[in-house]
Amino acid sequence: MMGRNMQEGADPQKQTFVSGGDAREDETIQSTLVKIIERADAKTVTEIEGISTL
C-alpha cells in the first residue's frame, strides 16, 4: 500500500473490487475508493475499464 511519502514514479497501488452489478454504481465500493484515495494522499487516479473473471 502506498504511503504518504511515496516518491513520483513509485509502483502504483492497485485495488480490485467484485460486484454483482455495475461496480461504478455500488455505494460501498465508491466509499471505499474515496477512503483509499484520501489515506494514500493520491495525486492521480486512473480507472482501467474492463471486466476480468476471477
PDB file of N, CA and C in Angstrom:
ATOM      1  N   MET A   1       0.839  -1.174   0.000  1.00  0.00           N
ATOM      2  CA  MET A   1       0.000   0.000   0.000  1.00  0.00           C
ATOM      3  C   MET A   1       0.886   1.239   0.000  1.00  0.00           C
ATOM      4  N   MET A   2       0.500   2.234  -0.766  1.00  0.00           N
ATOM      5  CA  MET A   2       1.303   3.440  -0.857  1.00  0.00           C
ATOM      6  C   MET A   2       1.163   4.282   0.393  1.00  0.00           C
ATOM      7  N   GLY A   3       2.257   4.811   0.853  1.00  0.00           N
ATOM      8  CA  GLY A   3       2.229   5.708   1.990  1.00  0.00           C
ATOM      9  C   GLY A   3       2.202   7.146   1.530  1.00  0.00           C
ATOM     10  N   ARG A   4       2.123   8.033   2.470  1.00  0.00           N
ATOM     11  CA  ARG A   4       2.038   9.448   2.127  1.00  0.00           C
ATOM     12  C   ARG A   4       3.336   9.997   1.520  1.00  0.00           C
ATOM     13  N   ASN A   5       4.443   9.330   1.749  1.00  0.00           N
ATOM     14  CA  ASN A   5       5.715   9.861   1.295  1.00  0.00           C
ATOM     15  C   ASN A   5       6.281   9.125   0.090  1.00  0.00           C
ATOM     16  N   MET A   6       5.435   8.396  -0.647  1.00  0.00           N
ATOM     17  CA  MET A   6       5.923   7.688  -1.825  1.00  0.00           C
ATOM     18  C   MET A   6       6.381   8.708  -2.858  1.00  0.00           C
ATOM     19  N   GLN A   7       7.467   8.397  -3.527  1.00  0.00           N
ATOM     20  CA  GLN A   7       8.010   9.323  -4.498  1.00  0.00           C
ATOM     21  C   GLN A   7       7.366   9.129  -5.854  1.00  0.00           C
ATOM     22  N   GLU A   8       7.435  10.161  -6.659  1.00  0.00           N
ATOM     23  CA  GLU A   8       6.923  10.093  -8.016  1.00  0.00           C
ATOM     24  C   GLU A   8       7.623   8.951  -8.754  1.00  0.00           C
ATOM     25  N   GLY A   9       6.871   8.195  -9.527  1.00  0.00           N
ATOM     26  CA  GLY A   9       7.439   7.081 -10.268  1.00  0.00           C
ATOM     27  C   GLY A   9       7.368   5.763  -9.511  1.00  0.00           C
ATOM     28  N   ALA A  10       6.877   5.778  -8.267  1.00  0.00           N
ATOM     29  CA  ALA A  10       6.750   4.545  -7.483  1.00  0.00           C
ATOM     30  C   ALA A  10       5.677   3.665  -8.109  1.00  0.00           C
ATOM     31  N   ASP A  11       5.737   2.371  -7.835  1.00  0.00           N
ATOM     32  CA  ASP A  11       4.725   1.450  -8.341  1.00  0.00           C
ATOM     33  C   ASP A  11       3.351   1.883  -7.845  1.00  0.00           C
ATOM     34  N   PRO A  12       2.348   1.834  -8.723  1.00  0.00           N
ATOM     35  CA  PRO A  12       1.013   2.255  -8.299  1.00  0.00           C
ATOM     36  C   PRO A  12       0.364   1.241  -7.371  1.00  0.00           C
ATOM     37  N   GLN A  13      -0.512   1.732  -6.523  1.00  0.00           N
ATOM     38  CA  GLN A  13      -1.332   0.865  -5.682  1.00  0.00           C
ATOM     39  C   GLN A  13      -2.481   0.390  -6.554  1.00  0.00           C
ATOM     40  N   LYS A  14      -2.775  -0.900  -6.518  1.00  0.00           N
ATOM     41  CA  LYS A  14      -3.877  -1.449  -7.301  1.00  0.00           C
ATOM     42  C   LYS A  14      -4.920  -2.008  -6.363  1.00  0.00           C
ATOM     43  N   GLN A  15      -6.169  -1.780  -6.699  1.00  0.00           N
ATOM     44  CA  GLN A  15      -7.273  -2.274  -5.888  1.00  0.00           C
ATOM     45  C   GLN A  15      -8.283  -2.922  -6.824  1.00  0.00           C
ATOM     46  N   THR A  16      -8.734  -4.120  -6.485  1.00  0.00           N
ATOM     47  CA  THR A  16      -9.708  -4.845  -7.284  1.00  0.00           C
ATOM     48  C   THR A  16     -10.988  -5.022  -6.476  1.00  0.00           C
ATOM     49  N   PHE A  17     -12.112  -4.835  -7.125  1.00  0.00           N
ATOM     50  CA  PHE A  17     -13.409  -4.992  -6.476  1.00  0.00           C
ATOM     51  C   PHE A  17     -14.244  -5.993  -7.247  1.00  0.00           C
ATOM     52  N   VAL A  18     -15.087  -6.722  -6.515  1.00  0.00           N
ATOM     53  CA  VAL A  18     -16.019  -7.674  -7.118  1.00  0.00           C
ATOM     54  C   VAL A  18     -17.423  -7.189  -6.798  1.00  0.00           C
ATOM     55  N   SER A  19     -18.273  -7.136  -7.815  1.00  0.00           N
ATOM     56  CA  SER A  19     -19.631  -6.662  -7.632  1.00  0.00           C
ATOM     57  C   SER A  19     -20.577  -7.478  -8.496  1.00  0.00           C
ATOM     58  N   GLY A  20     -21.781  -7.699  -7.992  1.00  0.00           N
ATOM     59  CA  GLY A  20     -22.786  -8.426  -8.757  1.00  0.00           C
ATOM     60  C   GLY A  20     -23.415  -7.571  -9.840  1.00  0.00           C
ATOM     61  N   GLY A  21     -23.231  -6.262  -9.761  1.00  0.00           N
ATOM     62  CA  GLY A  21     -23.787  -5.326 -10.748  1.00  0.00           C
ATOM     63  C   GLY A  21     -22.700  -4.401 -11.245  1.00  0.00           C
ATOM     64  N   ASP A  22     -23.089  -3.215 -11.643  1.00  0.00           N
ATOM     65  CA  ASP A  22     -22.145  -2.206 -12.116  1.00  0.00           C
ATOM     66  C   ASP A  22     -21.400  -1.633 -10.916  1.00  0.00           C
ATOM     67  N   ALA A  23     -20.133  -1.933 -10.803  1.00  0.00           N
ATOM     68  CA  ALA A  23     -19.329  -1.501  -9.651  1.00  0.00           C
ATOM     69  C   ALA A  23     -19.290   0.020  -9.528  1.00  0.00           C
ATOM     70  N   ARG A  24     -19.457   0.729 -10.642  1.00  0.00           N
ATOM     71  CA  ARG A  24     -19.428   2.196 -10.606  1.00  0.00           C
ATOM     72  C   ARG A  24     -20.635   2.762  -9.879  1.00  0.00           C
ATOM     73  N   GLU A  25     -21.695   1.972  -9.713  1.00  0.00           N
ATOM     74  CA  GLU A  25     -22.899   2.428  -9.032  1.00  0.00           C
ATOM     75  C   GLU A  25     -23.038   1.825  -7.632  1.00  0.00           C
ATOM     76  N   ASP A  26     -22.037   1.088  -7.183  1.00  0.00           N
ATOM     77  CA  ASP A  26     -22.055   0.437  -5.870  1.00  0.00           C
ATOM     78  C   ASP A  26     -21.548   1.432  -4.820  1.00  0.00           C
ATOM     79  N   GLU A  27     -22.426   1.864  -3.913  1.00  0.00           N
ATOM     80  CA  GLU A  27     -22.055   2.884  -2.920  1.00  0.00           C
ATOM     81  C   GLU A  27     -20.950   2.420  -1.979  1.00  0.00           C
ATOM     82  N   THR A  28     -20.919   1.129  -1.660  1.00  0.00           N
ATOM     83  CA  THR A  28     -19.873   0.601  -0.783  1.00  0.00           C
ATOM     84  C   THR A  28     -18.512   0.712  -1.456  1.00  0.00           C
ATOM     85  N   ILE A  29     -18.455   0.367  -2.728  1.00  0.00           N
ATOM     86  CA  ILE A  29     -17.194   0.462  -3.478  1.00  0.00           C
ATOM     87  C   ILE A  29     -16.783   1.923  -3.612  1.00  0.00           C
ATOM     88  N   GLN A  30     -17.727   2.806  -3.913  1.00  0.00           N
ATOM     89  CA  GLN A  30     -17.404   4.232  -4.039  1.00  0.00           C
ATOM     90  C   GLN A  30     -16.826   4.789  -2.746  1.00  0.00           C
ATOM     91  N   SER A  31     -17.452   4.450  -1.626  1.00  0.00           N
ATOM     92  CA  SER A  31     -16.987   4.927  -0.324  1.00  0.00           C
ATOM     93  C   SER A  31     -15.588   4.394  -0.018  1.00  0.00           C
ATOM     94  N   THR A  32     -15.375   3.130  -0.317  1.00  0.00           N
ATOM     95  CA  THR A  32     -14.057   2.515  -0.081  1.00  0.00           C
ATOM     96  C   THR A  32     -12.986   3.184  -0.924  1.00  0.00           C
ATOM     97  N   LEU A  33     -13.291   3.452  -2.186  1.00  0.00           N
ATOM     98  CA  LEU A  33     -12.322   4.119  -3.069  1.00  0.00           C
ATOM     99  C   LEU A  33     -11.945   5.499  -2.549  1.00  0.00           C
ATOM    100  N   VAL A  34     -12.933   6.262  -2.102  1.00  0.00           N
ATOM    101  CA  VAL A  34     -12.654   7.601  -1.573  1.00  0.00           C
ATOM    102  C   VAL A  34     -11.725   7.512  -0.363  1.00  0.00           C
ATOM    103  N   LYS A  35     -11.975   6.572   0.529  1.00  0.00           N
ATOM    104  CA  LYS A  35     -11.121   6.397   1.712  1.00  0.00           C
ATOM    105  C   LYS A  35      -9.696   6.022   1.315  1.00  0.00           C
ATOM    106  N   ILE A  36      -9.550   5.112   0.361  1.00  0.00           N
ATOM    107  CA  ILE A  36      -8.216   4.695  -0.097  1.00  0.00           C
ATOM    108  C   ILE A  36      -7.474   5.891  -0.694  1.00  0.00           C
ATOM    109  N   ILE A  37      -8.158   6.664  -1.521  1.00  0.00           N
ATOM    110  CA  ILE A  37      -7.539   7.828  -2.171  1.00  0.00           C
ATOM    111  C   ILE A  37      -7.096   8.844  -1.120  1.00  0.00           C
ATOM    112  N   GLU A  38      -7.966   9.103  -0.139  1.00  0.00           N
ATOM    113  CA  GLU A  38      -7.620  10.068   0.915  1.00  0.00           C
ATOM    114  C   GLU A  38      -6.453   9.587   1.758  1.00  0.00           C
ATOM    115  N   ARG A  39      -6.458   8.318   2.163  1.00  0.00           N
ATOM    116  CA  ARG A  39      -5.378   7.781   3.008  1.00  0.00           C
ATOM    117  C   ARG A  39      -4.041   7.784   2.299  1.00  0.00           C
ATOM    118  N   ALA A  40      -4.073   7.522   0.992  1.00  0.00           N
ATOM    119  CA  ALA A  40      -2.826   7.474   0.223  1.00  0.00           C
ATOM    120  C   ALA A  40      -2.371   8.868  -0.201  1.00  0.00           C
ATOM    121  N   ASP A  41      -3.215   9.873   0.039  1.00  0.00           N
ATOM    122  CA  ASP A  41      -2.925  11.236  -0.415  1.00  0.00           C
ATOM    123  C   ASP A  41      -2.599  11.219  -1.904  1.00  0.00           C
ATOM    124  N   ALA A  42      -3.430  10.477  -2.656  1.00  0.00           N
ATOM    125  CA  ALA A  42      -3.191  10.268  -4.089  1.00  0.00           C
ATOM    126  C   ALA A  42      -3.261  11.568  -4.868  1.00  0.00           C
ATOM    127  N   LYS A  43      -2.369  11.733  -5.800  1.00  0.00           N
ATOM    128  CA  LYS A  43      -2.360  12.890  -6.690  1.00  0.00           C
ATOM    129  C   LYS A  43      -2.987  12.531  -8.031  1.00  0.00           C
ATOM    130  N   THR A  44      -2.979  11.247  -8.381  1.00  0.00           N
ATOM    131  CA  THR A  44      -3.517  10.769  -9.649  1.00  0.00           C
ATOM    132  C   THR A  44      -4.283   9.476  -9.415  1.00  0.00           C
ATOM    133  N   VAL A  45      -5.437   9.361 -10.062  1.00  0.00           N
ATOM    134  CA  VAL A  45      -6.244   8.143 -10.006  1.00  0.00           C
ATOM    135  C   VAL A  45      -6.614   7.774 -11.429  1.00  0.00           C
ATOM    136  N   THR A  46      -6.432   6.506 -11.788  1.00  0.00           N
ATOM    137  CA  THR A  46      -6.739   6.032 -13.125  1.00  0.00           C
ATOM    138  C   THR A  46      -7.703   4.867 -13.045  1.00  0.00           C
ATOM    139  N   GLU A  47      -8.777   4.932 -13.837  1.00  0.00           N
ATOM    140  CA  GLU A  47      -9.712   3.821 -13.930  1.00  0.00           C
ATOM    141  C   GLU A  47      -9.339   2.986 -15.145  1.00  0.00           C
ATOM    142  N   ILE A  48      -9.202   1.696 -14.940  1.00  0.00           N
ATOM    143  CA  ILE A  48      -8.921   0.791 -16.043  1.00  0.00           C
ATOM    144  C   ILE A  48     -10.236   0.111 -16.393  1.00  0.00           C
ATOM    145  N   GLU A  49     -10.731   0.382 -17.578  1.00  0.00           N
ATOM    146  CA  GLU A  49     -12.019  -0.169 -17.980  1.00  0.00           C
ATOM    147  C   GLU A  49     -11.890  -1.648 -18.320  1.00  0.00           C
ATOM    148  N   GLY A  50     -12.959  -2.357 -18.074  1.00  0.00           N
ATOM    149  CA  GLY A  50     -12.986  -3.757 -18.456  1.00  0.00           C
ATOM    150  C   GLY A  50     -13.459  -4.626 -17.315  1.00  0.00           C
ATOM    151  N   ILE A  51     -13.709  -5.849 -17.663  1.00  0.00           N
ATOM    152  CA  ILE A  51     -14.165  -6.839 -16.710  1.00  0.00           C
ATOM    153  C   ILE A  51     -13.209  -8.031 -16.755  1.00  0.00           C
ATOM    154  N   SER A  52     -12.829  -8.511 -15.599  1.00  0.00           N
ATOM    155  CA  SER A  52     -11.962  -9.673 -15.516  1.00  0.00           C
ATOM    156  C   SER A  52     -12.673 -10.741 -14.711  1.00  0.00           C
ATOM    157  N   THR A  53     -12.503 -11.984 -15.104  1.00  0.00           N
ATOM    158  CA  THR A  53     -13.070 -13.072 -14.314  1.00  0.00           C
ATOM    159  C   THR A  53     -12.007 -13.593 -13.380  1.00  0.00           C
ATOM    160  N   LEU A  54     -12.447 -13.975 -12.204  1.00  0.00           N
ATOM    161  CA  LEU A  54     -11.514 -14.480 -11.198  1.00  0.00           C
ATOM    162  C   LEU A  54     -11.539 -15.982 -11.178  1.00  0.00           C
TER     163      LEU A  54
END
